[in-house]
C-alpha cells in the first residue's frame, strides 16, 4: 500500500520472508496449507510485521536439477503473486492480521505462466475468503459480547 492508500503492483524486498525463524516455523508442521496443482501454499499468521503478507517461493532440486529451470519457475510464481496479491493484502490489512506464505512448486515438468497464474489466483482467493470469514466471525463475537455485557 502506498501513502495514499492505493495498492501497489510491486513485489519489493519487504514482502519477502527473510527471517530464518519465520521460515522454520512456517515449515515445522501444524500450519495450514492449500493445493492448487502444481503449487502448494503453506501459510500461518505471524506477529505484527512491516507488511500484511510476506512470501517465500521454493522449487526443489528433486523436481528440476538445473538452476535455470528452477529460477524460471520461481520467476513465474513471483510474477503471478505480484499480479494477484492486492485483494489478499487489503483483506489482511483490514483484519489487522499479518501472514507468512510459502509457495512450493510440486510438479516435475514446466508449466506455462497462465497455468501458474491461475493456480496462484485460486490459492490467494481461497485464503482471502478465509481471512474475511474469520474477521467477520471475530467482529460478530466481539459485538455480541459487548451487547450481552450491557
N, C-alpha and C. Protein backbone atom coordinates (compact mmCIF):
# COMPACT_ATOMS: atom_id res chain seq x y z
N UNK A 1 0.84 -1.18 0.00
CA UNK A 1 0.00 0.00 0.00
C UNK A 1 0.88 1.24 0.00
N UNK A 2 0.46 2.22 -0.72
CA UNK A 2 1.19 3.48 -0.73
C UNK A 2 0.61 4.39 0.34
N UNK A 3 1.22 5.55 0.48
CA UNK A 3 0.75 6.52 1.49
C UNK A 3 -0.66 7.00 1.18
N UNK A 4 -1.05 6.95 -0.09
CA UNK A 4 -2.39 7.39 -0.47
C UNK A 4 -3.43 6.30 -0.26
N UNK A 5 -3.00 5.10 0.20
CA UNK A 5 -3.93 4.01 0.43
C UNK A 5 -4.19 3.19 -0.81
N UNK A 6 -3.47 3.47 -1.87
CA UNK A 6 -3.66 2.76 -3.13
C UNK A 6 -2.73 1.54 -3.17
N UNK A 7 -3.23 0.35 -3.51
CA UNK A 7 -2.36 -0.83 -3.54
C UNK A 7 -1.31 -0.72 -4.64
N UNK A 8 -0.14 -1.25 -4.36
CA UNK A 8 0.93 -1.22 -5.34
C UNK A 8 1.00 -2.55 -6.08
N UNK A 9 1.58 -2.51 -7.27
CA UNK A 9 1.74 -3.72 -8.07
C UNK A 9 3.19 -4.17 -8.07
N UNK A 10 3.89 -3.92 -6.99
CA UNK A 10 5.30 -4.31 -6.92
C UNK A 10 5.45 -5.51 -5.98
N UNK A 11 6.63 -6.08 -6.00
CA UNK A 11 6.95 -7.18 -5.10
C UNK A 11 8.33 -6.88 -4.53
N UNK A 12 8.35 -5.97 -3.57
CA UNK A 12 9.61 -5.48 -3.02
C UNK A 12 10.23 -6.41 -2.00
N UNK A 13 11.41 -6.04 -1.59
CA UNK A 13 12.17 -6.85 -0.64
C UNK A 13 11.44 -7.00 0.70
N UNK A 14 10.70 -5.98 1.10
CA UNK A 14 9.99 -6.05 2.38
C UNK A 14 8.88 -7.10 2.38
N UNK A 15 8.48 -7.56 1.21
CA UNK A 15 7.45 -8.59 1.11
C UNK A 15 8.02 -10.01 1.10
N UNK A 16 9.34 -10.14 1.09
CA UNK A 16 9.99 -11.45 1.11
C UNK A 16 10.22 -11.87 2.56
N UNK A 17 10.06 -13.15 2.83
CA UNK A 17 10.38 -13.67 4.16
C UNK A 17 11.89 -13.85 4.21
N UNK A 18 12.54 -13.18 5.16
CA UNK A 18 13.98 -13.32 5.28
C UNK A 18 14.39 -13.88 6.63
N UNK A 19 13.48 -13.91 7.57
CA UNK A 19 13.78 -14.41 8.91
C UNK A 19 13.84 -15.93 8.91
N UNK A 20 14.96 -16.46 9.34
CA UNK A 20 15.13 -17.92 9.40
C UNK A 20 14.13 -18.53 10.38
N UNK A 21 13.85 -17.84 11.48
CA UNK A 21 12.89 -18.35 12.46
C UNK A 21 11.49 -18.47 11.85
N UNK A 22 11.09 -17.46 11.09
CA UNK A 22 9.78 -17.49 10.44
C UNK A 22 9.70 -18.64 9.45
N UNK A 23 10.77 -18.84 8.68
CA UNK A 23 10.79 -19.92 7.70
C UNK A 23 10.70 -21.27 8.40
N UNK A 24 11.44 -21.44 9.48
CA UNK A 24 11.41 -22.71 10.23
C UNK A 24 10.03 -22.97 10.81
N UNK A 25 9.40 -21.94 11.37
CA UNK A 25 8.05 -22.11 11.93
C UNK A 25 7.04 -22.42 10.83
N UNK A 26 7.22 -21.80 9.66
CA UNK A 26 6.29 -22.00 8.54
C UNK A 26 6.28 -23.45 8.09
N UNK A 27 7.46 -24.08 8.08
CA UNK A 27 7.55 -25.45 7.60
C UNK A 27 7.68 -26.49 8.71
N UNK A 28 7.57 -26.08 9.96
CA UNK A 28 7.72 -27.01 11.10
C UNK A 28 6.55 -27.96 11.23
N UNK A 29 5.46 -27.68 10.60
CA UNK A 29 4.28 -28.53 10.73
C UNK A 29 3.24 -27.85 11.59
N UNK A 30 2.02 -28.30 11.46
CA UNK A 30 0.94 -27.71 12.22
C UNK A 30 0.36 -26.46 11.57
N UNK A 31 0.99 -26.00 10.50
CA UNK A 31 0.46 -24.84 9.79
C UNK A 31 -0.48 -25.30 8.68
N UNK A 32 -1.29 -24.41 8.25
CA UNK A 32 -2.29 -24.76 7.24
C UNK A 32 -1.67 -24.71 5.85
N UNK A 33 -2.26 -25.49 4.95
CA UNK A 33 -1.80 -25.45 3.57
C UNK A 33 -2.98 -25.69 2.64
N UNK A 34 -2.79 -25.26 1.40
CA UNK A 34 -3.78 -25.46 0.34
C UNK A 34 -3.02 -25.86 -0.91
N UNK A 35 -3.69 -26.60 -1.78
CA UNK A 35 -3.06 -27.02 -3.02
C UNK A 35 -3.94 -26.62 -4.19
N UNK A 36 -3.32 -26.02 -5.18
CA UNK A 36 -3.92 -25.79 -6.49
C UNK A 36 -2.83 -26.21 -7.46
N UNK A 37 -2.90 -27.46 -7.90
CA UNK A 37 -1.80 -28.05 -8.67
C UNK A 37 -1.37 -27.13 -9.78
N UNK A 38 -0.10 -26.89 -9.91
CA UNK A 38 1.10 -27.53 -9.40
C UNK A 38 1.72 -26.82 -8.19
N UNK A 39 0.95 -26.02 -7.47
CA UNK A 39 1.53 -25.24 -6.37
C UNK A 39 0.83 -25.57 -5.06
N UNK A 40 1.62 -25.70 -4.03
CA UNK A 40 1.12 -25.87 -2.67
C UNK A 40 1.48 -24.60 -1.91
N UNK A 41 0.50 -24.06 -1.19
CA UNK A 41 0.74 -22.86 -0.39
C UNK A 41 0.61 -23.21 1.08
N UNK A 42 1.65 -22.92 1.84
CA UNK A 42 1.65 -23.09 3.29
C UNK A 42 1.54 -21.69 3.88
N UNK A 43 0.67 -21.51 4.87
CA UNK A 43 0.51 -20.17 5.44
C UNK A 43 0.33 -20.26 6.94
N UNK A 44 0.67 -19.15 7.59
CA UNK A 44 0.46 -19.05 9.03
C UNK A 44 0.34 -17.58 9.40
N UNK A 45 -0.46 -17.29 10.41
CA UNK A 45 -0.49 -15.92 10.92
C UNK A 45 0.81 -15.64 11.67
N UNK A 46 1.31 -14.43 11.55
CA UNK A 46 2.55 -14.05 12.23
C UNK A 46 2.31 -12.80 13.04
N UNK A 47 3.26 -12.52 13.90
CA UNK A 47 3.18 -11.30 14.69
C UNK A 47 3.29 -10.09 13.77
N UNK A 48 2.97 -8.97 14.28
CA UNK A 48 2.99 -7.73 13.51
C UNK A 48 4.34 -7.54 12.80
N UNK A 49 4.27 -7.35 11.51
CA UNK A 49 5.45 -7.09 10.69
C UNK A 49 5.19 -5.86 9.84
N UNK A 50 6.18 -5.48 9.05
CA UNK A 50 6.03 -4.29 8.21
C UNK A 50 4.92 -4.45 7.18
N UNK A 51 4.81 -5.62 6.61
CA UNK A 51 3.85 -5.88 5.55
C UNK A 51 2.77 -6.83 6.05
N UNK A 52 1.53 -6.72 5.54
CA UNK A 52 0.48 -7.63 5.97
C UNK A 52 0.71 -9.07 5.47
N UNK A 53 1.43 -9.21 4.35
CA UNK A 53 1.71 -10.54 3.80
C UNK A 53 3.17 -10.59 3.38
N UNK A 54 3.87 -11.64 3.82
CA UNK A 54 5.24 -11.87 3.38
C UNK A 54 5.30 -13.24 2.72
N UNK A 55 6.15 -13.38 1.70
CA UNK A 55 6.12 -14.55 0.83
C UNK A 55 7.49 -15.19 0.70
N UNK A 56 7.48 -16.53 0.55
CA UNK A 56 8.65 -17.32 0.26
C UNK A 56 8.30 -18.23 -0.92
N UNK A 57 9.22 -18.37 -1.88
CA UNK A 57 9.00 -19.23 -3.04
C UNK A 57 10.05 -20.32 -3.02
N UNK A 58 9.62 -21.58 -3.20
CA UNK A 58 10.54 -22.71 -3.15
C UNK A 58 10.29 -23.65 -4.32
N UNK A 59 11.38 -24.03 -5.00
CA UNK A 59 11.33 -25.04 -6.05
C UNK A 59 12.44 -26.03 -5.75
N UNK A 60 12.09 -27.29 -5.59
CA UNK A 60 13.03 -28.30 -5.15
C UNK A 60 13.98 -28.76 -6.27
N UNK A 61 15.19 -29.07 -5.87
CA UNK A 61 16.16 -29.67 -6.79
C UNK A 61 15.70 -31.06 -7.23
N UNK A 62 14.88 -31.68 -6.42
CA UNK A 62 14.38 -33.00 -6.77
C UNK A 62 13.56 -32.95 -8.06
N UNK A 63 12.83 -31.83 -8.26
CA UNK A 63 11.99 -31.70 -9.45
C UNK A 63 12.77 -31.19 -10.65
N UNK A 64 13.67 -30.24 -10.43
CA UNK A 64 14.44 -29.65 -11.52
C UNK A 64 15.90 -29.60 -11.11
N UNK A 65 16.73 -30.38 -11.78
CA UNK A 65 18.15 -30.42 -11.45
C UNK A 65 18.86 -29.13 -11.86
N UNK A 66 18.43 -28.55 -12.96
CA UNK A 66 19.10 -27.36 -13.50
C UNK A 66 18.55 -26.09 -12.87
N UNK A 67 19.44 -25.24 -12.43
CA UNK A 67 19.05 -23.99 -11.77
C UNK A 67 18.26 -23.08 -12.72
N UNK A 68 18.54 -23.17 -14.01
CA UNK A 68 17.83 -22.33 -14.98
C UNK A 68 16.33 -22.59 -14.91
N UNK A 69 15.95 -23.87 -14.84
CA UNK A 69 14.53 -24.21 -14.77
C UNK A 69 13.92 -23.83 -13.43
N UNK A 70 14.68 -24.06 -12.34
CA UNK A 70 14.17 -23.66 -11.02
C UNK A 70 13.95 -22.15 -10.97
N UNK A 71 14.88 -21.38 -11.50
CA UNK A 71 14.75 -19.92 -11.50
C UNK A 71 13.57 -19.47 -12.35
N UNK A 72 13.32 -20.17 -13.45
CA UNK A 72 12.18 -19.81 -14.30
C UNK A 72 10.87 -20.00 -13.54
N UNK A 73 10.75 -21.12 -12.86
CA UNK A 73 9.52 -21.40 -12.11
C UNK A 73 9.35 -20.39 -10.98
N UNK A 74 10.43 -20.07 -10.27
CA UNK A 74 10.34 -19.08 -9.19
C UNK A 74 9.93 -17.72 -9.74
N UNK A 75 10.46 -17.36 -10.89
CA UNK A 75 10.09 -16.08 -11.52
C UNK A 75 8.61 -16.08 -11.90
N UNK A 76 8.11 -17.20 -12.42
CA UNK A 76 6.69 -17.29 -12.78
C UNK A 76 5.80 -17.15 -11.53
N UNK A 77 6.19 -17.80 -10.45
CA UNK A 77 5.39 -17.73 -9.22
C UNK A 77 5.40 -16.32 -8.65
N UNK A 78 6.58 -15.70 -8.61
CA UNK A 78 6.66 -14.32 -8.09
C UNK A 78 5.80 -13.36 -8.92
N UNK A 79 5.85 -13.51 -10.24
CA UNK A 79 5.06 -12.63 -11.10
C UNK A 79 3.57 -12.86 -10.90
N UNK A 80 3.15 -14.12 -10.79
CA UNK A 80 1.74 -14.42 -10.57
C UNK A 80 1.28 -13.85 -9.23
N UNK A 81 2.11 -13.96 -8.19
CA UNK A 81 1.76 -13.40 -6.89
C UNK A 81 1.64 -11.88 -6.99
N UNK A 82 2.61 -11.25 -7.65
CA UNK A 82 2.61 -9.79 -7.78
C UNK A 82 1.33 -9.30 -8.45
N UNK A 83 0.85 -10.02 -9.44
CA UNK A 83 -0.35 -9.60 -10.17
C UNK A 83 -1.64 -9.85 -9.39
N UNK A 84 -1.63 -10.82 -8.47
CA UNK A 84 -2.87 -11.22 -7.80
C UNK A 84 -2.92 -10.90 -6.31
N UNK A 85 -1.95 -10.21 -5.78
CA UNK A 85 -1.84 -10.04 -4.33
C UNK A 85 -2.74 -8.97 -3.73
N UNK A 86 -3.24 -8.03 -4.51
CA UNK A 86 -3.92 -6.86 -3.94
C UNK A 86 -5.11 -7.18 -3.06
N UNK A 87 -5.99 -8.08 -3.50
CA UNK A 87 -7.16 -8.41 -2.68
C UNK A 87 -6.77 -9.03 -1.36
N UNK A 88 -5.74 -9.86 -1.38
CA UNK A 88 -5.28 -10.51 -0.15
C UNK A 88 -4.66 -9.50 0.81
N UNK A 89 -3.81 -8.62 0.33
CA UNK A 89 -3.17 -7.65 1.22
C UNK A 89 -4.18 -6.68 1.82
N UNK A 90 -5.19 -6.31 1.04
CA UNK A 90 -6.23 -5.42 1.56
C UNK A 90 -7.03 -6.13 2.65
N UNK A 91 -7.40 -7.40 2.41
CA UNK A 91 -8.17 -8.15 3.40
C UNK A 91 -7.36 -8.35 4.68
N UNK A 92 -6.07 -8.66 4.55
CA UNK A 92 -5.24 -8.85 5.74
C UNK A 92 -5.07 -7.54 6.50
N UNK A 93 -4.92 -6.43 5.79
CA UNK A 93 -4.78 -5.13 6.45
C UNK A 93 -6.05 -4.75 7.20
N UNK A 94 -7.20 -4.97 6.57
CA UNK A 94 -8.47 -4.64 7.22
C UNK A 94 -8.72 -5.51 8.45
N UNK A 95 -8.27 -6.76 8.39
CA UNK A 95 -8.45 -7.66 9.52
C UNK A 95 -7.37 -7.46 10.58
N UNK A 96 -6.43 -6.55 10.30
CA UNK A 96 -5.31 -6.27 11.20
C UNK A 96 -4.53 -7.55 11.53
N UNK A 97 -4.31 -8.35 10.49
CA UNK A 97 -3.58 -9.61 10.60
C UNK A 97 -2.39 -9.57 9.65
N UNK A 98 -1.35 -10.31 9.98
CA UNK A 98 -0.20 -10.46 9.10
C UNK A 98 -0.01 -11.96 8.86
N UNK A 99 0.36 -12.31 7.64
CA UNK A 99 0.52 -13.71 7.27
C UNK A 99 1.86 -13.94 6.60
N UNK A 100 2.40 -15.13 6.81
CA UNK A 100 3.57 -15.60 6.09
C UNK A 100 3.10 -16.70 5.14
N UNK A 101 3.45 -16.57 3.87
CA UNK A 101 3.04 -17.55 2.86
C UNK A 101 4.27 -18.22 2.28
N UNK A 102 4.17 -19.50 2.04
CA UNK A 102 5.22 -20.23 1.34
C UNK A 102 4.62 -20.93 0.14
N UNK A 103 5.12 -20.61 -1.05
CA UNK A 103 4.66 -21.27 -2.27
C UNK A 103 5.67 -22.34 -2.64
N UNK A 104 5.21 -23.57 -2.78
CA UNK A 104 6.08 -24.70 -3.11
C UNK A 104 5.61 -25.30 -4.42
N UNK A 105 6.52 -25.41 -5.38
CA UNK A 105 6.20 -25.99 -6.68
C UNK A 105 6.33 -27.49 -6.57
N UNK A 106 5.28 -28.25 -6.96
CA UNK A 106 5.26 -29.68 -6.73
C UNK A 106 5.44 -30.53 -7.98
N UNK A 107 5.32 -29.97 -9.16
CA UNK A 107 5.34 -30.76 -10.40
C UNK A 107 6.76 -31.03 -10.88
N UNK A 108 6.87 -32.03 -11.75
CA UNK A 108 8.16 -32.39 -12.32
C UNK A 108 8.39 -31.78 -13.70
N UNK A 109 7.37 -31.13 -14.25
CA UNK A 109 7.54 -30.52 -15.57
C UNK A 109 7.20 -29.03 -15.50
N UNK A 110 7.67 -28.29 -16.48
CA UNK A 110 7.40 -26.86 -16.55
C UNK A 110 5.96 -26.62 -16.98
N UNK A 111 5.38 -25.54 -16.50
CA UNK A 111 4.02 -25.15 -16.86
C UNK A 111 4.06 -23.77 -17.50
N UNK A 112 3.09 -23.46 -18.35
CA UNK A 112 3.03 -22.10 -18.88
C UNK A 112 2.66 -21.10 -17.78
N UNK A 113 3.04 -19.87 -17.98
CA UNK A 113 2.78 -18.83 -16.97
C UNK A 113 1.30 -18.67 -16.67
N UNK A 114 0.43 -18.91 -17.66
CA UNK A 114 -1.01 -18.76 -17.42
C UNK A 114 -1.51 -19.79 -16.41
N UNK A 115 -0.98 -21.02 -16.48
CA UNK A 115 -1.39 -22.06 -15.53
C UNK A 115 -0.92 -21.72 -14.12
N UNK A 116 0.30 -21.21 -13.99
CA UNK A 116 0.82 -20.80 -12.69
C UNK A 116 -0.02 -19.64 -12.14
N UNK A 117 -0.34 -18.70 -13.01
CA UNK A 117 -1.14 -17.54 -12.63
C UNK A 117 -2.52 -17.97 -12.11
N UNK A 118 -3.14 -18.92 -12.78
CA UNK A 118 -4.45 -19.40 -12.34
C UNK A 118 -4.37 -20.10 -10.98
N UNK A 119 -3.33 -20.90 -10.78
CA UNK A 119 -3.17 -21.59 -9.51
C UNK A 119 -2.96 -20.62 -8.36
N UNK A 120 -2.07 -19.65 -8.56
CA UNK A 120 -1.81 -18.64 -7.52
C UNK A 120 -3.08 -17.84 -7.24
N UNK A 121 -3.79 -17.47 -8.28
CA UNK A 121 -5.02 -16.70 -8.11
C UNK A 121 -6.04 -17.48 -7.28
N UNK A 122 -6.21 -18.77 -7.57
CA UNK A 122 -7.15 -19.59 -6.80
C UNK A 122 -6.72 -19.69 -5.34
N UNK A 123 -5.44 -19.90 -5.11
CA UNK A 123 -4.95 -20.03 -3.73
C UNK A 123 -5.15 -18.73 -2.95
N UNK A 124 -4.80 -17.61 -3.56
CA UNK A 124 -4.93 -16.32 -2.86
C UNK A 124 -6.40 -15.97 -2.61
N UNK A 125 -7.27 -16.33 -3.55
CA UNK A 125 -8.70 -16.07 -3.36
C UNK A 125 -9.25 -16.90 -2.20
N UNK A 126 -8.85 -18.16 -2.13
CA UNK A 126 -9.31 -19.01 -1.02
C UNK A 126 -8.80 -18.50 0.32
N UNK A 127 -7.55 -18.08 0.37
CA UNK A 127 -7.01 -17.56 1.62
C UNK A 127 -7.71 -16.26 2.00
N UNK A 128 -7.96 -15.39 1.03
CA UNK A 128 -8.65 -14.13 1.29
C UNK A 128 -10.04 -14.39 1.88
N UNK A 129 -10.76 -15.37 1.32
CA UNK A 129 -12.08 -15.72 1.85
C UNK A 129 -12.00 -16.20 3.29
N UNK A 130 -10.98 -16.99 3.60
CA UNK A 130 -10.80 -17.45 4.98
C UNK A 130 -10.52 -16.29 5.92
N UNK A 131 -9.69 -15.36 5.49
CA UNK A 131 -9.36 -14.19 6.32
C UNK A 131 -10.60 -13.36 6.57
N UNK A 132 -11.36 -13.09 5.52
CA UNK A 132 -12.57 -12.27 5.66
C UNK A 132 -13.58 -12.97 6.56
N UNK A 133 -13.76 -14.27 6.36
CA UNK A 133 -14.71 -15.03 7.19
C UNK A 133 -14.29 -15.00 8.66
N UNK A 134 -13.00 -15.19 8.91
CA UNK A 134 -12.50 -15.17 10.29
C UNK A 134 -12.68 -13.79 10.92
N UNK A 135 -12.39 -12.75 10.15
CA UNK A 135 -12.54 -11.38 10.66
C UNK A 135 -14.00 -11.08 10.98
N UNK A 136 -14.91 -11.47 10.09
CA UNK A 136 -16.33 -11.24 10.34
C UNK A 136 -16.81 -12.00 11.58
N UNK A 137 -16.34 -13.24 11.75
CA UNK A 137 -16.72 -14.03 12.91
C UNK A 137 -16.21 -13.39 14.20
N UNK A 138 -14.97 -12.90 14.17
CA UNK A 138 -14.40 -12.28 15.36
C UNK A 138 -15.10 -10.97 15.70
N UNK A 139 -15.43 -10.17 14.70
CA UNK A 139 -16.13 -8.91 14.98
C UNK A 139 -17.55 -9.18 15.48
N UNK A 140 -18.17 -10.23 14.95
CA UNK A 140 -19.52 -10.58 15.40
C UNK A 140 -19.47 -11.04 16.86
N UNK A 141 -18.47 -11.84 17.21
CA UNK A 141 -18.33 -12.28 18.60
C UNK A 141 -18.04 -11.11 19.52
N UNK A 142 -17.20 -10.19 19.04
CA UNK A 142 -16.83 -9.03 19.86
C UNK A 142 -18.05 -8.13 20.09
N UNK A 143 -18.83 -7.87 19.04
CA UNK A 143 -20.01 -7.02 19.21
C UNK A 143 -21.09 -7.74 20.01
N UNK A 144 -21.15 -9.09 19.87
CA UNK A 144 -22.10 -9.86 20.66
C UNK A 144 -21.75 -9.81 22.14
N UNK A 145 -20.45 -9.86 22.46
CA UNK A 145 -20.01 -9.78 23.85
C UNK A 145 -20.32 -8.41 24.44
N UNK A 146 -20.15 -7.35 23.64
CA UNK A 146 -20.41 -6.01 24.14
C UNK A 146 -21.89 -5.79 24.41
N UNK A 147 -22.76 -6.31 23.54
CA UNK A 147 -24.19 -6.11 23.74
C UNK A 147 -24.71 -6.98 24.89
N UNK A 148 -24.12 -8.16 25.07
CA UNK A 148 -24.53 -9.03 26.18
C UNK A 148 -24.08 -8.48 27.52
N UNK A 149 -22.95 -7.80 27.53
CA UNK A 149 -22.39 -7.28 28.77
C UNK A 149 -23.10 -6.04 29.26
N UNK A 150 -23.86 -5.37 28.44
CA UNK A 150 -24.51 -4.13 28.85
C UNK A 150 -25.90 -4.32 29.34
